[in-house]
Amino acid sequence: MPVLNCNVQTCYYNKEKMCCRDEINVEGNTAEKSEATSCGSFEEKAQGKYTNSCGCSMQPEDKLAIDCQAEKCVYNSSHKCTAGNVQINGVSATTSNETNCASFAK
């Protein structure tokens, strides 16, 4: 499983740049560059709606399964990410469209 480094500080599942989900989904089936991808698992951590900590019961993990819809990415093998390290960007995102997989390589 890839090592995930998530910079999306506004995501409900982000805790210390790790993810509290057991798997994420990278979208962008026709992407030609990383900016055309997004984290489909993003959920905004809205003020007052969630606490400052991760909003799920799982412990954050630095390695997790990544379903990948970016068909043109060299790391996509049957819709699973095979990259050793994956960087998700979008520090102050409010929607999944404001995130991207910086590890995308055509």
PDB file of N, CA and C in Angstrom:
ATOM      1  N   MET A   1       0.843  -1.186   0.000  1.00  0.00           N
ATOM      2  CA  MET A   1       0.000   0.000   0.000  1.00  0.00           C
ATOM      3  C   MET A   1       0.887   1.249   0.000  1.00  0.00           C
ATOM      4  N   PRO A   2       0.439   2.285  -0.686  1.00  0.00           N
ATOM      5  CA  PRO A   2       1.217   3.526  -0.726  1.00  0.00           C
ATOM      6  C   PRO A   2       1.268   4.228   0.625  1.00  0.00           C
ATOM      7  N   VAL A   3       2.351   4.957   0.830  1.00  0.00           N
ATOM      8  CA  VAL A   3       2.460   5.847   1.987  1.00  0.00           C
ATOM      9  C   VAL A   3       1.759   7.142   1.585  1.00  0.00           C
ATOM     10  N   LEU A   4       0.788   7.571   2.361  1.00  0.00           N
ATOM     11  CA  LEU A   4       0.007   8.770   2.046  1.00  0.00           C
ATOM     12  C   LEU A   4       0.471   9.936   2.899  1.00  0.00           C
ATOM     13  N   ASN A   5       0.710  11.055   2.237  1.00  0.00           N
ATOM     14  CA  ASN A   5       0.991  12.319   2.915  1.00  0.00           C
ATOM     15  C   ASN A   5      -0.082  13.292   2.442  1.00  0.00           C
ATOM     16  N   CYS A   6      -0.986  13.649   3.322  1.00  0.00           N
ATOM     17  CA  CYS A   6      -2.123  14.494   2.963  1.00  0.00           C
ATOM     18  C   CYS A   6      -1.957  15.896   3.538  1.00  0.00           C
ATOM     19  N   ASN A   7      -1.927  16.884   2.656  1.00  0.00           N
ATOM     20  CA  ASN A   7      -1.808  18.283   3.069  1.00  0.00           C
ATOM     21  C   ASN A   7      -3.150  18.991   3.168  1.00  0.00           C
ATOM     22  N   VAL A   8      -4.249  18.271   3.018  1.00  0.00           N
ATOM     23  CA  VAL A   8      -5.575  18.883   3.022  1.00  0.00           C
ATOM     24  C   VAL A   8      -6.029  19.056   4.467  1.00  0.00           C
ATOM     25  N   GLN A   9      -5.605  20.145   5.082  1.00  0.00           N
ATOM     26  CA  GLN A   9      -5.870  20.397   6.502  1.00  0.00           C
ATOM     27  C   GLN A   9      -7.339  20.589   6.821  1.00  0.00           C
ATOM     28  N   THR A  10      -8.138  20.888   5.818  1.00  0.00           N
ATOM     29  CA  THR A  10      -9.561  21.130   6.036  1.00  0.00           C
ATOM     30  C   THR A  10     -10.398  19.865   5.894  1.00  0.00           C
ATOM     31  N   CYS A  11      -9.749  18.718   5.663  1.00  0.00           N
ATOM     32  CA  CYS A  11     -10.489  17.469   5.497  1.00  0.00           C
ATOM     33  C   CYS A  11     -10.823  16.844   6.848  1.00  0.00           C
ATOM     34  N   TYR A  12     -12.029  16.394   6.965  1.00  0.00           N
ATOM     35  CA  TYR A  12     -12.556  15.725   8.152  1.00  0.00           C
ATOM     36  C   TYR A  12     -11.712  14.514   8.548  1.00  0.00           C
ATOM     37  N   TYR A  13     -11.120  13.839   7.581  1.00  0.00           N
ATOM     38  CA  TYR A  13     -10.375  12.605   7.840  1.00  0.00           C
ATOM     39  C   TYR A  13      -8.883  12.824   8.063  1.00  0.00           C
ATOM     40  N   ASN A  14      -8.393  14.051   7.944  1.00  0.00           N
ATOM     41  CA  ASN A  14      -6.966  14.336   8.081  1.00  0.00           C
ATOM     42  C   ASN A  14      -6.587  14.543   9.540  1.00  0.00           C
ATOM     43  N   LYS A  15      -5.554  13.822   9.958  1.00  0.00           N
ATOM     44  CA  LYS A  15      -4.978  14.038  11.280  1.00  0.00           C
ATOM     45  C   LYS A  15      -3.470  13.887  11.138  1.00  0.00           C
ATOM     46  N   GLU A  16      -2.763  14.966  11.387  1.00  0.00           N
ATOM     47  CA  GLU A  16      -1.307  14.983  11.310  1.00  0.00           C
ATOM     48  C   GLU A  16      -0.799  14.494   9.957  1.00  0.00           C
ATOM     49  N   LYS A  17      -1.452  14.938   8.879  1.00  0.00           N
ATOM     50  CA  LYS A  17      -1.116  14.615   7.487  1.00  0.00           C
ATOM     51  C   LYS A  17      -1.300  13.142   7.147  1.00  0.00           C
ATOM     52  N   MET A  18      -2.048  12.436   7.995  1.00  0.00           N
ATOM     53  CA  MET A  18      -2.414  11.048   7.726  1.00  0.00           C
ATOM     54  C   MET A  18      -3.934  10.980   7.606  1.00  0.00           C
ATOM     55  N   CYS A  19      -4.435   9.834   7.179  1.00  0.00           N
ATOM     56  CA  CYS A  19      -5.858   9.698   6.927  1.00  0.00           C
ATOM     57  C   CYS A  19      -6.490   8.694   7.870  1.00  0.00           C
ATOM     58  N   CYS A  20      -7.671   9.012   8.375  1.00  0.00           N
ATOM     59  CA  CYS A  20      -8.412   8.128   9.272  1.00  0.00           C
ATOM     60  C   CYS A  20      -9.279   7.129   8.510  1.00  0.00           C
ATOM     61  N   ARG A  21      -9.279   7.185   7.201  1.00  0.00           N
ATOM     62  CA  ARG A  21     -10.034   6.202   6.409  1.00  0.00           C
ATOM     63  C   ARG A  21      -9.140   5.002   6.133  1.00  0.00           C
ATOM     64  N   ASP A  22      -9.727   3.877   5.816  1.00  0.00           N
ATOM     65  CA  ASP A  22      -8.918   2.716   5.455  1.00  0.00           C
ATOM     66  C   ASP A  22      -8.582   2.700   3.969  1.00  0.00           C
ATOM     67  N   GLU A  23      -9.218   3.606   3.203  1.00  0.00           N
ATOM     68  CA  GLU A  23      -8.983   3.688   1.766  1.00  0.00           C
ATOM     69  C   GLU A  23      -9.498   5.033   1.263  1.00  0.00           C
ATOM     70  N   ILE A  24      -8.846   5.573   0.240  1.00  0.00           N
ATOM     71  CA  ILE A  24      -9.350   6.786  -0.405  1.00  0.00           C
ATOM     72  C   ILE A  24      -9.539   6.526  -1.890  1.00  0.00           C
ATOM     73  N   ASN A  25     -10.235   7.435  -2.553  1.00  0.00           N
ATOM     74  CA  ASN A  25     -10.508   7.334  -3.977  1.00  0.00           C
ATOM     75  C   ASN A  25      -9.962   8.571  -4.683  1.00  0.00           C
ATOM     76  N   VAL A  26      -9.054   8.363  -5.623  1.00  0.00           N
ATOM     77  CA  VAL A  26      -8.552   9.465  -6.449  1.00  0.00           C
ATOM     78  C   VAL A  26      -9.352   9.472  -7.733  1.00  0.00           C
ATOM     79  N   GLU A  27      -9.976  10.614  -8.031  1.00  0.00           N
ATOM     80  CA  GLU A  27     -10.805  10.761  -9.225  1.00  0.00           C
ATOM     81  C   GLU A  27     -10.039  11.510 -10.319  1.00  0.00           C
ATOM     82  N   GLY A  28     -10.553  11.446 -11.523  1.00  0.00           N
ATOM     83  CA  GLY A  28      -9.953  12.138 -12.657  1.00  0.00           C
ATOM     84  C   GLY A  28      -9.645  11.177 -13.788  1.00  0.00           C
ATOM     85  N   ASN A  29     -10.658  10.433 -14.235  1.00  0.00           N
ATOM     86  CA  ASN A  29     -10.415   9.368 -15.206  1.00  0.00           C
ATOM     87  C   ASN A  29      -9.813   9.845 -16.521  1.00  0.00           C
ATOM     88  N   THR A  30      -9.981  11.103 -16.895  1.00  0.00           N
ATOM     89  CA  THR A  30      -9.370  11.609 -18.130  1.00  0.00           C
ATOM     90  C   THR A  30      -8.212  12.566 -17.852  1.00  0.00           C
ATOM     91  N   ALA A  31      -7.735  12.594 -16.628  1.00  0.00           N
ATOM     92  CA  ALA A  31      -6.677  13.537 -16.231  1.00  0.00           C
ATOM     93  C   ALA A  31      -5.419  13.371 -17.069  1.00  0.00           C
ATOM     94  N   GLU A  32      -4.847  14.511 -17.450  1.00  0.00           N
ATOM     95  CA  GLU A  32      -3.578  14.557 -18.167  1.00  0.00           C
ATOM     96  C   GLU A  32      -2.484  15.118 -17.266  1.00  0.00           C
ATOM     97  N   LYS A  33      -2.901  15.729 -16.145  1.00  0.00           N
ATOM     98  CA  LYS A  33      -1.955  16.308 -15.186  1.00  0.00           C
ATOM     99  C   LYS A  33      -2.579  16.242 -13.796  1.00  0.00           C
ATOM    100  N   SER A  34      -1.764  16.429 -12.765  1.00  0.00           N
ATOM    101  CA  SER A  34      -2.236  16.253 -11.386  1.00  0.00           C
ATOM    102  C   SER A  34      -3.385  17.190 -11.030  1.00  0.00           C
ATOM    103  N   GLU A  35      -3.390  18.389 -11.591  1.00  0.00           N
ATOM    104  CA  GLU A  35      -4.444  19.360 -11.281  1.00  0.00           C
ATOM    105  C   GLU A  35      -5.822  18.901 -11.739  1.00  0.00           C
ATOM    106  N   ALA A  36      -5.884  17.914 -12.609  1.00  0.00           N
ATOM    107  CA  ALA A  36      -7.167  17.388 -13.098  1.00  0.00           C
ATOM    108  C   ALA A  36      -7.645  16.191 -12.272  1.00  0.00           C
ATOM    109  N   THR A  37      -6.906  15.864 -11.213  1.00  0.00           N
ATOM    110  CA  THR A  37      -7.319  14.791 -10.308  1.00  0.00           C
ATOM    111  C   THR A  37      -7.911  15.411  -9.049  1.00  0.00           C
ATOM    112  N   SER A  38      -8.540  14.596  -8.240  1.00  0.00           N
ATOM    113  CA  SER A  38      -9.059  15.075  -6.950  1.00  0.00           C
ATOM    114  C   SER A  38      -9.233  13.897  -6.009  1.00  0.00           C
ATOM    115  N   CYS A  39      -9.283  14.198  -4.727  1.00  0.00           N
ATOM    116  CA  CYS A  39      -9.548  13.171  -3.726  1.00  0.00           C
ATOM    117  C   CYS A  39     -11.063  13.077  -3.565  1.00  0.00           C
ATOM    118  N   GLY A  40     -11.634  12.034  -4.109  1.00  0.00           N
ATOM    119  CA  GLY A  40     -13.074  11.837  -4.032  1.00  0.00           C
ATOM    120  C   GLY A  40     -13.565  11.506  -2.637  1.00  0.00           C
ATOM    121  N   SER A  41     -12.640  11.217  -1.730  1.00  0.00           N
ATOM    122  CA  SER A  41     -12.995  10.888  -0.350  1.00  0.00           C
ATOM    123  C   SER A  41     -13.001  12.108   0.563  1.00  0.00           C
ATOM    124  N   PHE A  42     -12.643  13.271   0.013  1.00  0.00           N
ATOM    125  CA  PHE A  42     -12.595  14.505   0.800  1.00  0.00           C
ATOM    126  C   PHE A  42     -13.955  14.834   1.390  1.00  0.00           C
ATOM    127  N   GLU A  43     -13.945  15.226   2.658  1.00  0.00           N
ATOM    128  CA  GLU A  43     -15.132  15.753   3.328  1.00  0.00           C
ATOM    129  C   GLU A  43     -14.669  16.925   4.177  1.00  0.00           C
ATOM    130  N   GLU A  44     -15.256  18.078   3.940  1.00  0.00           N
ATOM    131  CA  GLU A  44     -14.814  19.284   4.649  1.00  0.00           C
ATOM    132  C   GLU A  44     -15.071  19.192   6.145  1.00  0.00           C
ATOM    133  N   LYS A  45     -14.070  19.622   6.895  1.00  0.00           N
ATOM    134  CA  LYS A  45     -14.178  19.725   8.349  1.00  0.00           C
ATOM    135  C   LYS A  45     -14.667  21.146   8.625  1.00  0.00           C
ATOM    136  N   ALA A  46     -15.964  21.326   8.674  1.00  0.00           N
ATOM    137  CA  ALA A  46     -16.555  22.648   8.868  1.00  0.00           C
ATOM    138  C   ALA A  46     -16.477  23.068  10.329  1.00  0.00           C
ATOM    139  N   GLN A  47     -16.213  24.342  10.553  1.00  0.00           N
ATOM    140  CA  GLN A  47     -16.154  24.854  11.923  1.00  0.00           C
ATOM    141  C   GLN A  47     -17.488  24.649  12.618  1.00  0.00           C
ATOM    142  N   GLY A  48     -17.398  24.184  13.847  1.00  0.00           N
ATOM    143  CA  GLY A  48     -18.599  23.962  14.628  1.00  0.00           C
ATOM    144  C   GLY A  48     -19.257  22.619  14.364  1.00  0.00           C
ATOM    145  N   LYS A  49     -18.953  22.024  13.207  1.00  0.00           N
ATOM    146  CA  LYS A  49     -19.549  20.743  12.857  1.00  0.00           C
ATOM    147  C   LYS A  49     -18.730  19.582  13.415  1.00  0.00           C
ATOM    148  N   TYR A  50     -17.406  19.735  13.383  1.00  0.00           N
ATOM    149  CA  TYR A  50     -16.511  18.698  13.870  1.00  0.00           C
ATOM    150  C   TYR A  50     -15.493  19.311  14.817  1.00  0.00           C
ATOM    151  N   THR A  51     -14.853  18.469  15.601  1.00  0.00           N
ATOM    152  CA  THR A  51     -13.807  18.941  16.500  1.00  0.00           C
ATOM    153  C   THR A  51     -12.524  19.168  15.713  1.00  0.00           C
ATOM    154  N   ASN A  52     -11.493  19.659  16.385  1.00  0.00           N
ATOM    155  CA  ASN A  52     -10.212  19.890  15.741  1.00  0.00           C
ATOM    156  C   ASN A  52      -9.491  18.599  15.402  1.00  0.00           C
ATOM    157  N   SER A  53      -9.840  17.510  16.051  1.00  0.00           N
ATOM    158  CA  SER A  53      -9.182  16.239  15.770  1.00  0.00           C
ATOM    159  C   SER A  53      -9.930  15.503  14.670  1.00  0.00           C
ATOM    160  N   CYS A  54      -9.324  14.428  14.242  1.00  0.00           N
ATOM    161  CA  CYS A  54      -9.934  13.603  13.204  1.00  0.00           C
ATOM    162  C   CYS A  54     -11.321  13.169  13.648  1.00  0.00           C
ATOM    163  N   GLY A  55     -12.268  13.223  12.742  1.00  0.00           N
ATOM    164  CA  GLY A  55     -13.640  12.944  13.088  1.00  0.00           C
ATOM    165  C   GLY A  55     -14.069  11.500  12.961  1.00  0.00           C
ATOM    166  N   CYS A  56     -13.136  10.582  12.903  1.00  0.00           N
ATOM    167  CA  CYS A  56     -13.547   9.192  12.784  1.00  0.00           C
ATOM    168  C   CYS A  56     -12.944   8.357  13.900  1.00  0.00           C
ATOM    169  N   SER A  57     -13.470   7.167  14.069  1.00  0.00           N
ATOM    170  CA  SER A  57     -13.037   6.329  15.178  1.00  0.00           C
ATOM    171  C   SER A  57     -11.731   5.594  14.900  1.00  0.00           C
ATOM    172  N   MET A  58     -11.315   5.486  13.635  1.00  0.00           N
ATOM    173  CA  MET A  58     -10.072   4.793  13.300  1.00  0.00           C
ATOM    174  C   MET A  58      -8.864   5.654  13.627  1.00  0.00           C
ATOM    175  N   GLN A  59      -7.753   5.005  13.921  1.00  0.00           N
ATOM    176  CA  GLN A  59      -6.489   5.718  14.089  1.00  0.00           C
ATOM    177  C   GLN A  59      -5.983   6.120  12.707  1.00  0.00           C
ATOM    178  N   PRO A  60      -5.347   7.291  12.594  1.00  0.00           N
ATOM    179  CA  PRO A  60      -4.832   7.688  11.288  1.00  0.00           C
ATOM    180  C   PRO A  60      -3.715   6.745  10.845  1.00  0.00           C
ATOM    181  N   GLU A  61      -3.654   6.499   9.555  1.00  0.00           N
ATOM    182  CA  GLU A  61      -2.652   5.613   8.984  1.00  0.00           C
ATOM    183  C   GLU A  61      -1.834   6.365   7.948  1.00  0.00           C
ATOM    184  N   ASP A  62      -0.543   6.056   7.868  1.00  0.00           N
ATOM    185  CA  ASP A  62       0.260   6.665   6.819  1.00  0.00           C
ATOM    186  C   ASP A  62       0.263   5.799   5.564  1.00  0.00           C
ATOM    187  N   LYS A  63      -0.133   4.530   5.674  1.00  0.00           N
ATOM    188  CA  LYS A  63      -0.254   3.646   4.512  1.00  0.00           C
ATOM    189  C   LYS A  63      -1.706   3.206   4.402  1.00  0.00           C
ATOM    190  N   LEU A  64      -2.253   3.318   3.191  1.00  0.00           N
ATOM    191  CA  LEU A  64      -3.612   2.862   2.984  1.00  0.00           C
ATOM    192  C   LEU A  64      -3.865   2.557   1.531  1.00  0.00           C
ATOM    193  N   ALA A  65      -4.920   1.817   1.262  1.00  0.00           N
ATOM    194  CA  ALA A  65      -5.306   1.476  -0.098  1.00  0.00           C
ATOM    195  C   ALA A  65      -5.845   2.718  -0.800  1.00  0.00           C
ATOM    196  N   ILE A  66      -5.500   2.865  -2.064  1.00  0.00           N
ATOM    197  CA  ILE A  66      -5.968   3.997  -2.854  1.00  0.00           C
ATOM    198  C   ILE A  66      -6.587   3.472  -4.135  1.00  0.00           C
ATOM    199  N   ASP A  67      -7.897   3.661  -4.269  1.00  0.00           N
ATOM    200  CA  ASP A  67      -8.573   3.374  -5.530  1.00  0.00           C
ATOM    201  C   ASP A  67      -8.293   4.544  -6.454  1.00  0.00           C
ATOM    202  N   CYS A  68      -7.886   4.263  -7.661  1.00  0.00           N
ATOM    203  CA  CYS A  68      -7.490   5.333  -8.586  1.00  0.00           C
ATOM    204  C   CYS A  68      -8.283   5.251  -9.872  1.00  0.00           C
ATOM    205  N   GLN A  69      -8.969   6.329 -10.192  1.00  0.00           N
ATOM    206  CA  GLN A  69      -9.730   6.425 -11.428  1.00  0.00           C
ATOM    207  C   GLN A  69      -8.946   7.146 -12.524  1.00  0.00           C
ATOM    208  N   ALA A  70      -7.743   7.656 -12.201  1.00  0.00           N
ATOM    209  CA  ALA A  70      -6.915   8.381 -13.180  1.00  0.00           C
ATOM    210  C   ALA A  70      -6.275   7.367 -14.125  1.00  0.00           C
ATOM    211  N   GLU A  71      -6.987   7.040 -15.183  1.00  0.00           N
ATOM    212  CA  GLU A  71      -6.588   5.962 -16.081  1.00  0.00           C
ATOM    213  C   GLU A  71      -5.260   6.197 -16.787  1.00  0.00           C
ATOM    214  N   LYS A  72      -4.845   7.439 -16.932  1.00  0.00           N
ATOM    215  CA  LYS A  72      -3.605   7.739 -17.642  1.00  0.00           C
ATOM    216  C   LYS A  72      -2.396   7.824 -16.714  1.00  0.00           C
ATOM    217  N   CYS A  73      -2.571   7.565 -15.446  1.00  0.00           N
ATOM    218  CA  CYS A  73      -1.470   7.635 -14.487  1.00  0.00           C
ATOM    219  C   CYS A  73      -0.651   6.340 -14.549  1.00  0.00           C
ATOM    220  N   VAL A  74       0.673   6.475 -14.548  1.00  0.00           N
ATOM    221  CA  VAL A  74       1.552   5.300 -14.618  1.00  0.00           C
ATOM    222  C   VAL A  74       1.422   4.414 -13.384  1.00  0.00           C
ATOM    223  N   TYR A  75       0.925   4.956 -12.278  1.00  0.00           N
ATOM    224  CA  TYR A  75       0.785   4.193 -11.043  1.00  0.00           C
ATOM    225  C   TYR A  75      -0.559   3.483 -10.922  1.00  0.00           C
ATOM    226  N   ASN A  76      -1.430   3.646 -11.900  1.00  0.00           N
ATOM    227  CA  ASN A  76      -2.743   3.018 -11.870  1.00  0.00           C
ATOM    228  C   ASN A  76      -2.647   1.618 -12.464  1.00  0.00           C
ATOM    229  N   SER A  77      -2.924   0.619 -11.650  1.00  0.00           N
ATOM    230  CA  SER A  77      -2.955  -0.767 -12.106  1.00  0.00           C
ATOM    231  C   SER A  77      -4.307  -1.352 -11.725  1.00  0.00           C
ATOM    232  N   SER A  78      -5.171  -1.497 -12.717  1.00  0.00           N
ATOM    233  CA  SER A  78      -6.537  -2.016 -12.479  1.00  0.00           C
ATOM    234  C   SER A  78      -7.254  -1.208 -11.404  1.00  0.00           C
ATOM    235  N   HIS A  79      -7.124   0.108 -11.489  1.00  0.00           N
ATOM    236  CA  HIS A  79      -7.771   1.065 -10.596  1.00  0.00           C
ATOM    237  C   HIS A  79      -7.265   1.030  -9.160  1.00  0.00           C
ATOM    238  N   LYS A  80      -6.064   0.507  -8.953  1.00  0.00           N
ATOM    239  CA  LYS A  80      -5.394   0.547  -7.651  1.00  0.00           C
ATOM    240  C   LYS A  80      -4.082   1.289  -7.822  1.00  0.00           C
ATOM    241  N   CYS A  81      -3.749   2.133  -6.867  1.00  0.00           N
ATOM    242  CA  CYS A  81      -2.514   2.904  -6.926  1.00  0.00           C
ATOM    243  C   CYS A  81      -1.334   2.030  -6.506  1.00  0.00           C
ATOM    244  N   THR A  82      -0.263   2.053  -7.309  1.00  0.00           N
ATOM    245  CA  THR A  82       0.930   1.269  -7.017  1.00  0.00           C
ATOM    246  C   THR A  82       2.127   2.147  -6.652  1.00  0.00           C
ATOM    247  N   ALA A  83       1.915   3.446  -6.518  1.00  0.00           N
ATOM    248  CA  ALA A  83       3.011   4.352  -6.157  1.00  0.00           C
ATOM    249  C   ALA A  83       3.496   4.034  -4.750  1.00  0.00           C
ATOM    250  N   GLY A  84       4.766   4.256  -4.501  1.00  0.00           N
ATOM    251  CA  GLY A  84       5.305   4.047  -3.155  1.00  0.00           C
ATOM    252  C   GLY A  84       4.855   5.125  -2.197  1.00  0.00           C
ATOM    253  N   ASN A  85       4.783   6.363  -2.698  1.00  0.00           N
ATOM    254  CA  ASN A  85       4.364   7.519  -1.904  1.00  0.00           C
ATOM    255  C   ASN A  85       3.346   8.326  -2.689  1.00  0.00           C
ATOM    256  N   VAL A  86       2.313   8.781  -2.003  1.00  0.00           N
ATOM    257  CA  VAL A  86       1.271   9.590  -2.634  1.00  0.00           C
ATOM    258  C   VAL A  86       1.083  10.863  -1.831  1.00  0.00           C
ATOM    259  N   GLN A  87       1.086  11.979  -2.539  1.00  0.00           N
ATOM    260  CA  GLN A  87       0.893  13.299  -1.938  1.00  0.00           C
ATOM    261  C   GLN A  87      -0.441  13.855  -2.404  1.00  0.00           C
ATOM    262  N   ILE A  88      -1.338  14.142  -1.454  1.00  0.00           N
ATOM    263  CA  ILE A  88      -2.607  14.789  -1.772  1.00  0.00           C
ATOM    264  C   ILE A  88      -2.497  16.243  -1.327  1.00  0.00           C
ATOM    265  N   ASN A  89      -2.761  17.165  -2.248  1.00  0.00           N
ATOM    266  CA  ASN A  89      -2.662  18.601  -1.968  1.00  0.00           C
ATOM    267  C   ASN A  89      -4.024  19.265  -1.977  1.00  0.00           C
ATOM    268  N   GLY A  90      -4.071  20.446  -1.372  1.00  0.00           N
ATOM    269  CA  GLY A  90      -5.292  21.243  -1.288  1.00  0.00           C
ATOM    270  C   GLY A  90      -5.480  21.770   0.117  1.00  0.00           C
ATOM    271  N   VAL A  91      -4.458  22.417   0.649  1.00  0.00           N
ATOM    272  CA  VAL A  91      -4.372  22.808   2.059  1.00  0.00           C
ATOM    273  C   VAL A  91      -5.678  23.362   2.618  1.00  0.00           C
ATOM    274  N   SER A  92      -6.288  24.311   1.941  1.00  0.00           N
ATOM    275  CA  SER A  92      -7.497  24.951   2.487  1.00  0.00           C
ATOM    276  C   SER A  92      -8.737  24.627   1.645  1.00  0.00           C
ATOM    277  N   ALA A  93      -8.788  23.441   1.072  1.00  0.00           N
ATOM    278  CA  ALA A  93      -9.898  23.033   0.205  1.00  0.00           C
ATOM    279  C   ALA A  93     -11.235  23.064   0.944  1.00  0.00           C
ATOM    280  N   THR A  94     -12.275  23.417   0.207  1.00  0.00           N
ATOM    281  CA  THR A  94     -13.639  23.349   0.738  1.00  0.00           C
ATOM    282  C   THR A  94     -14.471  22.341  -0.043  1.00  0.00           C
ATOM    283  N   THR A  95     -13.951  21.883  -1.197  1.00  0.00           N
ATOM    284  CA  THR A  95     -14.593  20.841  -2.005  1.00  0.00           C
ATOM    285  C   THR A  95     -13.513  19.899  -2.516  1.00  0.00           C
ATOM    286  N   SER A  96     -13.909  18.728  -2.950  1.00  0.00           N
ATOM    287  CA  SER A  96     -12.937  17.766  -3.481  1.00  0.00           C
ATOM    288  C   SER A  96     -12.245  18.296  -4.736  1.00  0.00           C
ATOM    289  N   ASN A  97     -12.928  19.150  -5.504  1.00  0.00           N
ATOM    290  CA  ASN A  97     -12.334  19.731  -6.713  1.00  0.00           C
ATOM    291  C   ASN A  97     -11.146  20.640  -6.411  1.00  0.00           C
ATOM    292  N   GLU A  98     -10.996  21.051  -5.169  1.00  0.00           N
ATOM    293  CA  GLU A  98      -9.869  21.895  -4.772  1.00  0.00           C
ATOM    294  C   GLU A  98      -8.711  21.063  -4.231  1.00  0.00           C
ATOM    295  N   THR A  99      -8.796  19.739  -4.363  1.00  0.00           N
ATOM    296  CA  THR A  99      -7.721  18.837  -3.959  1.00  0.00           C
ATOM    297  C   THR A  99      -7.123  18.214  -5.221  1.00  0.00           C
ATOM    298  N   ASN A 100      -5.928  17.643  -5.121  1.00  0.00           N
ATOM    299  CA  ASN A 100      -5.371  16.894  -6.242  1.00  0.00           C
ATOM    300  C   ASN A 100      -4.328  15.907  -5.760  1.00  0.00           C
ATOM    301  N   CYS A 101      -4.074  14.933  -6.597  1.00  0.00           N
ATOM    302  CA  CYS A 101      -3.031  13.938  -6.320  1.00  0.00           C
ATOM    303  C   CYS A 101      -1.760  14.441  -6.996  1.00  0.00           C
ATOM    304  N   ALA A 102      -0.854  14.995  -6.192  1.00  0.00           N
ATOM    305  CA  ALA A 102       0.391  15.553  -6.710  1.00  0.00           C
ATOM    306  C   ALA A 102       1.326  14.461  -7.225  1.00  0.00           C
ATOM    307  N   SER A 103       1.054  13.219  -6.909  1.00  0.00           N
ATOM    308  CA  SER A 103       1.897  12.100  -7.336  1.00  0.00           C
ATOM    309  C   SER A 103       1.529  11.588  -8.726  1.00  0.00           C
ATOM    310  N   PHE A 104       0.470  12.120  -9.306  1.00  0.00           N
ATOM    311  CA  PHE A 104       0.041  11.721 -10.651  1.00  0.00           C
ATOM    312  C   PHE A 104       1.195  11.887 -11.636  1.00  0.00           C
ATOM    313  N   ALA A 105       1.422  10.868 -12.446  1.00  0.00           N
ATOM    314  CA  ALA A 105       2.424  10.940 -13.514  1.00  0.00           C
ATOM    315  C   ALA A 105       1.843  10.270 -14.747  1.00  0.00           C
ATOM    316  N   LYS A 106       1.834  10.985 -15.852  1.00  0.00           N
ATOM    317  CA  LYS A 106       1.250  10.466 -17.092  1.00  0.00           C
ATOM    318  C   LYS A 106       2.205   9.491 -17.755  1.00  0.00           C
TER     319      LYS A 106
END
